[in-house]
Amino acid sequence: YLGQNHGRVIEISQTEIVVREIVSDGIGGW
């Protein structure tokens, strides 16, 4: 896990780190 939005590292390459974050959808869901 990484960051403030429950980010989970899903891929690391030579050029980037890809993270999947869980964020509010603004209407009570995620």
PDB file of all heavy atoms in Angstrom:
ATOM      1  N   TYR A   1       0.838  -1.200   0.000  1.00  0.00           N
ATOM      2  CA  TYR A   1       0.000   0.000   0.000  1.00  0.00           C
ATOM      3  C   TYR A   1       0.870   1.245   0.000  1.00  0.00           C
ATOM      4  O   TYR A   1       1.959   1.256   0.559  1.00  0.00           O
ATOM      5  CB  TYR A   1      -0.936  -0.008   1.202  1.00  0.00           C
ATOM      6  CG  TYR A   1      -2.020  -1.037   1.060  1.00  0.00           C
ATOM      7  CD1 TYR A   1      -1.868  -2.322   1.558  1.00  0.00           C
ATOM      8  CD2 TYR A   1      -3.186  -0.735   0.374  1.00  0.00           C
ATOM      9  CE1 TYR A   1      -2.853  -3.281   1.400  1.00  0.00           C
ATOM     10  CE2 TYR A   1      -4.185  -1.685   0.208  1.00  0.00           C
ATOM     11  CZ  TYR A   1      -3.998  -2.951   0.721  1.00  0.00           C
ATOM     12  OH  TYR A   1      -4.984  -3.893   0.550  1.00  0.00           O
ATOM     13  N   LEU A   2       0.325   2.293  -0.652  1.00  0.00           N
ATOM     14  CA  LEU A   2       1.087   3.515  -0.838  1.00  0.00           C
ATOM     15  C   LEU A   2       0.134   4.696  -0.935  1.00  0.00           C
ATOM     16  O   LEU A   2      -0.886   4.624  -1.628  1.00  0.00           O
ATOM     17  CB  LEU A   2       1.892   3.393  -2.149  1.00  0.00           C
ATOM     18  CG  LEU A   2       2.642   4.594  -2.656  1.00  0.00           C
ATOM     19  CD1 LEU A   2       3.833   4.879  -1.739  1.00  0.00           C
ATOM     20  CD2 LEU A   2       3.160   4.317  -4.063  1.00  0.00           C
ATOM     21  N   GLY A   3       0.414   5.780  -0.239  1.00  0.00           N
ATOM     22  CA  GLY A   3      -0.357   7.001  -0.387  1.00  0.00           C
ATOM     23  C   GLY A   3      -1.522   7.124   0.569  1.00  0.00           C
ATOM     24  O   GLY A   3      -1.720   6.308   1.457  1.00  0.00           O
ATOM     25  N   GLN A   4      -2.320   8.161   0.340  1.00  0.00           N
ATOM     26  CA  GLN A   4      -3.394   8.522   1.263  1.00  0.00           C
ATOM     27  C   GLN A   4      -4.742   7.919   0.898  1.00  0.00           C
ATOM     28  O   GLN A   4      -5.648   7.903   1.705  1.00  0.00           O
ATOM     29  CB  GLN A   4      -3.534  10.042   1.306  1.00  0.00           C
ATOM     30  CG  GLN A   4      -2.292  10.730   1.804  1.00  0.00           C
ATOM     31  CD  GLN A   4      -2.414  12.238   1.758  1.00  0.00           C
ATOM     32  OE1 GLN A   4      -3.419  12.790   1.343  1.00  0.00           O
ATOM     33  NE2 GLN A   4      -1.377  12.911   2.193  1.00  0.00           N
ATOM     34  N   ASN A   5      -4.909   7.434  -0.332  1.00  0.00           N
ATOM     35  CA  ASN A   5      -6.204   6.922  -0.780  1.00  0.00           C
ATOM     36  C   ASN A   5      -6.222   5.401  -0.889  1.00  0.00           C
ATOM     37  O   ASN A   5      -6.763   4.849  -1.839  1.00  0.00           O
ATOM     38  CB  ASN A   5      -6.584   7.556  -2.129  1.00  0.00           C
ATOM     39  CG  ASN A   5      -6.832   9.040  -2.014  1.00  0.00           C
ATOM     40  OD1 ASN A   5      -7.446   9.486  -1.065  1.00  0.00           O
ATOM     41  ND2 ASN A   5      -6.325   9.800  -2.947  1.00  0.00           N
ATOM     42  N   HIS A   6      -5.637   4.727   0.088  1.00  0.00           N
ATOM     43  CA  HIS A   6      -5.603   3.267   0.101  1.00  0.00           C
ATOM     44  C   HIS A   6      -5.027   2.723  -1.199  1.00  0.00           C
ATOM     45  O   HIS A   6      -5.507   1.726  -1.739  1.00  0.00           O
ATOM     46  CB  HIS A   6      -6.991   2.677   0.371  1.00  0.00           C
ATOM     47  CG  HIS A   6      -7.627   3.228   1.599  1.00  0.00           C
ATOM     48  ND1 HIS A   6      -7.235   2.858   2.858  1.00  0.00           N
ATOM     49  CD2 HIS A   6      -8.607   4.158   1.763  1.00  0.00           C
ATOM     50  CE1 HIS A   6      -7.950   3.509   3.747  1.00  0.00           C
ATOM     51  NE2 HIS A   6      -8.789   4.303   3.106  1.00  0.00           N
ATOM     52  N   GLY A   7      -4.012   3.410  -1.734  1.00  0.00           N
ATOM     53  CA  GLY A   7      -3.391   2.999  -2.984  1.00  0.00           C
ATOM     54  C   GLY A   7      -2.615   1.709  -2.827  1.00  0.00           C
ATOM     55  O   GLY A   7      -1.908   1.516  -1.842  1.00  0.00           O
ATOM     56  N   ARG A   8      -2.754   0.824  -3.786  1.00  0.00           N
ATOM     57  CA  ARG A   8      -2.026  -0.441  -3.773  1.00  0.00           C
ATOM     58  C   ARG A   8      -1.190  -0.528  -5.043  1.00  0.00           C
ATOM     59  O   ARG A   8      -1.703  -0.307  -6.142  1.00  0.00           O
ATOM     60  CB  ARG A   8      -2.986  -1.615  -3.699  1.00  0.00           C
ATOM     61  CG  ARG A   8      -2.287  -2.912  -3.445  1.00  0.00           C
ATOM     62  CD  ARG A   8      -3.268  -3.973  -3.072  1.00  0.00           C
ATOM     63  NE  ARG A   8      -2.543  -5.070  -2.477  1.00  0.00           N
ATOM     64  CZ  ARG A   8      -3.088  -6.019  -1.787  1.00  0.00           C
ATOM     65  NH1 ARG A   8      -4.382  -6.031  -1.580  1.00  0.00           N
ATOM     66  NH2 ARG A   8      -2.360  -6.975  -1.290  1.00  0.00           N
ATOM     67  N   VAL A   9       0.089  -0.824  -4.906  1.00  0.00           N
ATOM     68  CA  VAL A   9       0.990  -0.920  -6.049  1.00  0.00           C
ATOM     69  C   VAL A   9       0.585  -2.134  -6.877  1.00  0.00           C
ATOM     70  O   VAL A   9       0.540  -3.250  -6.367  1.00  0.00           O
ATOM     71  CB  VAL A   9       2.461  -1.036  -5.601  1.00  0.00           C
ATOM     72  CG1 VAL A   9       3.385  -1.206  -6.792  1.00  0.00           C
ATOM     73  CG2 VAL A   9       2.861   0.166  -4.760  1.00  0.00           C
ATOM     74  N   ILE A  10       0.270  -1.900  -8.155  1.00  0.00           N
ATOM     75  CA  ILE A  10      -0.124  -3.013  -9.009  1.00  0.00           C
ATOM     76  C   ILE A  10       0.901  -3.299 -10.092  1.00  0.00           C
ATOM     77  O   ILE A  10       0.877  -4.368 -10.696  1.00  0.00           O
ATOM     78  CB  ILE A  10      -1.526  -2.814  -9.630  1.00  0.00           C
ATOM     79  CG1 ILE A  10      -1.613  -1.536 -10.430  1.00  0.00           C
ATOM     80  CG2 ILE A  10      -2.595  -2.847  -8.562  1.00  0.00           C
ATOM     81  CD1 ILE A  10      -2.917  -1.385 -11.196  1.00  0.00           C
ATOM     82  N   GLU A  11       1.826  -2.357 -10.324  1.00  0.00           N
ATOM     83  CA  GLU A  11       2.872  -2.599 -11.324  1.00  0.00           C
ATOM     84  C   GLU A  11       4.036  -1.635 -11.110  1.00  0.00           C
ATOM     85  O   GLU A  11       3.829  -0.474 -10.769  1.00  0.00           O
ATOM     86  CB  GLU A  11       2.309  -2.393 -12.728  1.00  0.00           C
ATOM     87  CG  GLU A  11       3.286  -2.673 -13.839  1.00  0.00           C
ATOM     88  CD  GLU A  11       2.696  -2.437 -15.210  1.00  0.00           C
ATOM     89  OE1 GLU A  11       1.454  -2.425 -15.340  1.00  0.00           O
ATOM     90  OE2 GLU A  11       3.473  -2.253 -16.142  1.00  0.00           O
ATOM     91  N   ILE A  12       5.245  -2.136 -11.294  1.00  0.00           N
ATOM     92  CA  ILE A  12       6.438  -1.304 -11.255  1.00  0.00           C
ATOM     93  C   ILE A  12       7.214  -1.588 -12.534  1.00  0.00           C
ATOM     94  O   ILE A  12       7.510  -2.740 -12.843  1.00  0.00           O
ATOM     95  CB  ILE A  12       7.329  -1.622 -10.034  1.00  0.00           C
ATOM     96  CG1 ILE A  12       6.559  -1.384  -8.733  1.00  0.00           C
ATOM     97  CG2 ILE A  12       8.608  -0.784 -10.078  1.00  0.00           C
ATOM     98  CD1 ILE A  12       7.298  -1.831  -7.481  1.00  0.00           C
ATOM     99  N   SER A  13       7.499  -0.528 -13.292  1.00  0.00           N
ATOM    100  CA  SER A  13       8.283  -0.681 -14.515  1.00  0.00           C
ATOM    101  C   SER A  13       9.477   0.276 -14.456  1.00  0.00           C
ATOM    102  O   SER A  13       9.655   0.993 -13.475  1.00  0.00           O
ATOM    103  CB  SER A  13       7.420  -0.385 -15.752  1.00  0.00           C
ATOM    104  OG  SER A  13       7.168   1.001 -15.858  1.00  0.00           O
ATOM    105  N   GLN A  14      10.249   0.313 -15.517  1.00  0.00           N
ATOM    106  CA  GLN A  14      11.394   1.219 -15.593  1.00  0.00           C
ATOM    107  C   GLN A  14      10.969   2.683 -15.607  1.00  0.00           C
ATOM    108  O   GLN A  14      11.737   3.561 -15.235  1.00  0.00           O
ATOM    109  CB  GLN A  14      12.207   0.930 -16.856  1.00  0.00           C
ATOM    110  CG  GLN A  14      12.894  -0.410 -16.855  1.00  0.00           C
ATOM    111  CD  GLN A  14      14.084  -0.436 -15.906  1.00  0.00           C
ATOM    112  OE1 GLN A  14      14.708   0.588 -15.632  1.00  0.00           O
ATOM    113  NE2 GLN A  14      14.406  -1.608 -15.401  1.00  0.00           N
ATOM    114  N   THR A  15       9.727   2.959 -16.036  1.00  0.00           N
ATOM    115  CA  THR A  15       9.293   4.343 -16.216  1.00  0.00           C
ATOM    116  C   THR A  15       8.247   4.829 -15.225  1.00  0.00           C
ATOM    117  O   THR A  15       8.064   6.034 -15.075  1.00  0.00           O
ATOM    118  CB  THR A  15       8.726   4.541 -17.639  1.00  0.00           C
ATOM    119  OG1 THR A  15       7.632   3.640 -17.828  1.00  0.00           O
ATOM    120  CG2 THR A  15       9.791   4.286 -18.696  1.00  0.00           C
ATOM    121  N   GLU A  16       7.526   3.896 -14.557  1.00  0.00           N
ATOM    122  CA  GLU A  16       6.456   4.338 -13.661  1.00  0.00           C
ATOM    123  C   GLU A  16       6.078   3.275 -12.638  1.00  0.00           C
ATOM    124  O   GLU A  16       6.403   2.105 -12.791  1.00  0.00           O
ATOM    125  CB  GLU A  16       5.222   4.743 -14.450  1.00  0.00           C
ATOM    126  CG  GLU A  16       4.552   3.595 -15.166  1.00  0.00           C
ATOM    127  CD  GLU A  16       3.378   4.021 -16.030  1.00  0.00           C
ATOM    128  OE1 GLU A  16       3.093   5.230 -16.137  1.00  0.00           O
ATOM    129  OE2 GLU A  16       2.747   3.135 -16.614  1.00  0.00           O
ATOM    130  N   ILE A  17       5.386   3.753 -11.617  1.00  0.00           N
ATOM    131  CA  ILE A  17       4.763   2.885 -10.621  1.00  0.00           C
ATOM    132  C   ILE A  17       3.263   3.090 -10.782  1.00  0.00           C
ATOM    133  O   ILE A  17       2.775   4.223 -10.703  1.00  0.00           O
ATOM    134  CB  ILE A  17       5.184   3.255  -9.189  1.00  0.00           C
ATOM    135  CG1 ILE A  17       6.706   3.134  -9.039  1.00  0.00           C
ATOM    136  CG2 ILE A  17       4.465   2.380  -8.162  1.00  0.00           C
ATOM    137  CD1 ILE A  17       7.221   3.724  -7.754  1.00  0.00           C
ATOM    138  N   VAL A  18       2.521   2.014 -11.033  1.00  0.00           N
ATOM    139  CA  VAL A  18       1.076   2.112 -11.202  1.00  0.00           C
ATOM    140  C   VAL A  18       0.413   1.688  -9.897  1.00  0.00           C
ATOM    141  O   VAL A  18       0.732   0.633  -9.335  1.00  0.00           O
ATOM    142  CB  VAL A  18       0.584   1.228 -12.368  1.00  0.00           C
ATOM    143  CG1 VAL A  18      -0.923   1.348 -12.524  1.00  0.00           C
ATOM    144  CG2 VAL A  18       1.285   1.619 -13.670  1.00  0.00           C
ATOM    145  N   VAL A  19      -0.491   2.531  -9.418  1.00  0.00           N
ATOM    146  CA  VAL A  19      -1.175   2.328  -8.142  1.00  0.00           C
ATOM    147  C   VAL A  19      -2.679   2.336  -8.404  1.00  0.00           C
ATOM    148  O   VAL A  19      -3.163   3.115  -9.218  1.00  0.00           O
ATOM    149  CB  VAL A  19      -0.814   3.468  -7.159  1.00  0.00           C
ATOM    150  CG1 VAL A  19      -1.538   3.313  -5.840  1.00  0.00           C
ATOM    151  CG2 VAL A  19       0.683   3.525  -6.937  1.00  0.00           C
ATOM    152  N   ARG A  20      -3.423   1.473  -7.731  1.00  0.00           N
ATOM    153  CA  ARG A  20      -4.885   1.511  -7.784  1.00  0.00           C
ATOM    154  C   ARG A  20      -5.364   2.114  -6.474  1.00  0.00           C
ATOM    155  O   ARG A  20      -5.136   1.567  -5.401  1.00  0.00           O
ATOM    156  CB  ARG A  20      -5.470   0.119  -7.963  1.00  0.00           C
ATOM    157  CG  ARG A  20      -6.997   0.146  -8.058  1.00  0.00           C
ATOM    158  CD  ARG A  20      -7.616  -1.204  -8.306  1.00  0.00           C
ATOM    159  NE  ARG A  20      -7.185  -1.721  -9.596  1.00  0.00           N
ATOM    160  CZ  ARG A  20      -6.598  -2.909  -9.782  1.00  0.00           C
ATOM    161  NH1 ARG A  20      -6.376  -3.697  -8.766  1.00  0.00           N
ATOM    162  NH2 ARG A  20      -6.245  -3.311 -10.974  1.00  0.00           N
ATOM    163  N   GLU A  21      -6.030   3.283  -6.576  1.00  0.00           N
ATOM    164  CA  GLU A  21      -6.531   3.988  -5.410  1.00  0.00           C
ATOM    165  C   GLU A  21      -8.021   3.745  -5.240  1.00  0.00           C
ATOM    166  O   GLU A  21      -8.739   3.550  -6.219  1.00  0.00           O
ATOM    167  CB  GLU A  21      -6.319   5.494  -5.556  1.00  0.00           C
ATOM    168  CG  GLU A  21      -4.875   5.899  -5.653  1.00  0.00           C
ATOM    169  CD  GLU A  21      -4.714   7.395  -5.826  1.00  0.00           C
ATOM    170  OE1 GLU A  21      -5.432   7.985  -6.666  1.00  0.00           O
ATOM    171  OE2 GLU A  21      -3.895   7.963  -5.120  1.00  0.00           O
ATOM    172  N   ILE A  22      -8.483   3.784  -3.998  1.00  0.00           N
ATOM    173  CA  ILE A  22      -9.908   3.685  -3.687  1.00  0.00           C
ATOM    174  C   ILE A  22     -10.346   5.074  -3.248  1.00  0.00           C
ATOM    175  O   ILE A  22      -9.857   5.603  -2.252  1.00  0.00           O
ATOM    176  CB  ILE A  22     -10.180   2.658  -2.567  1.00  0.00           C
ATOM    177  CG1 ILE A  22      -9.578   1.301  -2.912  1.00  0.00           C
ATOM    178  CG2 ILE A  22     -11.672   2.572  -2.280  1.00  0.00           C
ATOM    179  CD1 ILE A  22     -10.143   0.653  -4.160  1.00  0.00           C
ATOM    180  N   VAL A  23     -11.266   5.675  -4.024  1.00  0.00           N
ATOM    181  CA  VAL A  23     -11.703   7.043  -3.743  1.00  0.00           C
ATOM    182  C   VAL A  23     -13.222   7.124  -3.718  1.00  0.00           C
ATOM    183  O   VAL A  23     -13.914   6.303  -4.325  1.00  0.00           O
ATOM    184  CB  VAL A  23     -11.134   8.036  -4.782  1.00  0.00           C
ATOM    185  CG1 VAL A  23      -9.627   8.124  -4.694  1.00  0.00           C
ATOM    186  CG2 VAL A  23     -11.553   7.666  -6.180  1.00  0.00           C
ATOM    187  N   SER A  24     -13.721   8.143  -3.047  1.00  0.00           N
ATOM    188  CA  SER A  24     -15.167   8.367  -2.980  1.00  0.00           C
ATOM    189  C   SER A  24     -15.681   8.771  -4.356  1.00  0.00           C
ATOM    190  O   SER A  24     -15.041   9.535  -5.076  1.00  0.00           O
ATOM    191  CB  SER A  24     -15.458   9.476  -1.974  1.00  0.00           C
ATOM    192  OG  SER A  24     -16.811   9.851  -2.040  1.00  0.00           O
ATOM    193  N   ASP A  25     -16.879   8.281  -4.703  1.00  0.00           N
ATOM    194  CA  ASP A  25     -17.481   8.662  -5.985  1.00  0.00           C
ATOM    195  C   ASP A  25     -18.340   9.919  -5.848  1.00  0.00           C
ATOM    196  O   ASP A  25     -18.959  10.370  -6.800  1.00  0.00           O
ATOM    197  CB  ASP A  25     -18.288   7.515  -6.586  1.00  0.00           C
ATOM    198  CG  ASP A  25     -19.511   7.140  -5.774  1.00  0.00           C
ATOM    199  OD1 ASP A  25     -19.807   7.794  -4.752  1.00  0.00           O
ATOM    200  OD2 ASP A  25     -20.179   6.161  -6.159  1.00  0.00           O
ATOM    201  N   GLY A  26     -18.413  10.470  -4.637  1.00  0.00           N
ATOM    202  CA  GLY A  26     -19.153  11.699  -4.411  1.00  0.00           C
ATOM    203  C   GLY A  26     -20.630  11.511  -4.114  1.00  0.00           C
ATOM    204  O   GLY A  26     -21.322  12.466  -3.783  1.00  0.00           O
ATOM    205  N   ILE A  27     -21.130  10.278  -4.240  1.00  0.00           N
ATOM    206  CA  ILE A  27     -22.550  10.021  -3.965  1.00  0.00           C
ATOM    207  C   ILE A  27     -22.726   8.877  -2.967  1.00  0.00           C
ATOM    208  O   ILE A  27     -23.693   8.140  -3.020  1.00  0.00           O
ATOM    209  CB  ILE A  27     -23.327   9.740  -5.270  1.00  0.00           C
ATOM    210  CG1 ILE A  27     -22.700   8.596  -6.064  1.00  0.00           C
ATOM    211  CG2 ILE A  27     -23.426  10.983  -6.129  1.00  0.00           C
ATOM    212  CD1 ILE A  27     -23.504   8.148  -7.272  1.00  0.00           C
ATOM    213  N   GLY A  28     -21.724   8.722  -2.103  1.00  0.00           N
ATOM    214  CA  GLY A  28     -21.823   7.733  -1.039  1.00  0.00           C
ATOM    215  C   GLY A  28     -21.185   6.387  -1.337  1.00  0.00           C
ATOM    216  O   GLY A  28     -21.211   5.496  -0.507  1.00  0.00           O
ATOM    217  N   GLY A  29     -20.598   6.223  -2.487  1.00  0.00           N
ATOM    218  CA  GLY A  29     -19.947   4.962  -2.833  1.00  0.00           C
ATOM    219  C   GLY A  29     -18.453   5.141  -3.021  1.00  0.00           C
ATOM    220  O   GLY A  29     -17.895   6.207  -2.754  1.00  0.00           O
ATOM    221  N   TRP A  30     -17.821   4.095  -3.466  1.00  0.00           N
ATOM    222  CA  TRP A  30     -16.374   4.092  -3.669  1.00  0.00           C
ATOM    223  C   TRP A  30     -16.059   3.522  -5.043  1.00  0.00           C
ATOM    224  O   TRP A  30     -16.799   2.706  -5.567  1.00  0.00           O
ATOM    225  CB  TRP A  30     -15.696   3.248  -2.602  1.00  0.00           C
ATOM    226  CG  TRP A  30     -15.954   3.765  -1.221  1.00  0.00           C
ATOM    227  CD1 TRP A  30     -16.945   3.376  -0.377  1.00  0.00           C
ATOM    228  CD2 TRP A  30     -15.241   4.790  -0.552  1.00  0.00           C
ATOM    229  NE1 TRP A  30     -16.902   4.102   0.788  1.00  0.00           N
ATOM    230  CE2 TRP A  30     -15.849   4.971   0.712  1.00  0.00           C
ATOM    231  CE3 TRP A  30     -14.145   5.577  -0.867  1.00  0.00           C
ATOM    232  CZ2 TRP A  30     -15.396   5.904   1.636  1.00  0.00           C
ATOM    233  CZ3 TRP A  30     -13.684   6.498   0.059  1.00  0.00           C
ATOM    234  CH2 TRP A  30     -14.309   6.659   1.295  1.00  0.00           C
TER     235      TRP A  30
END
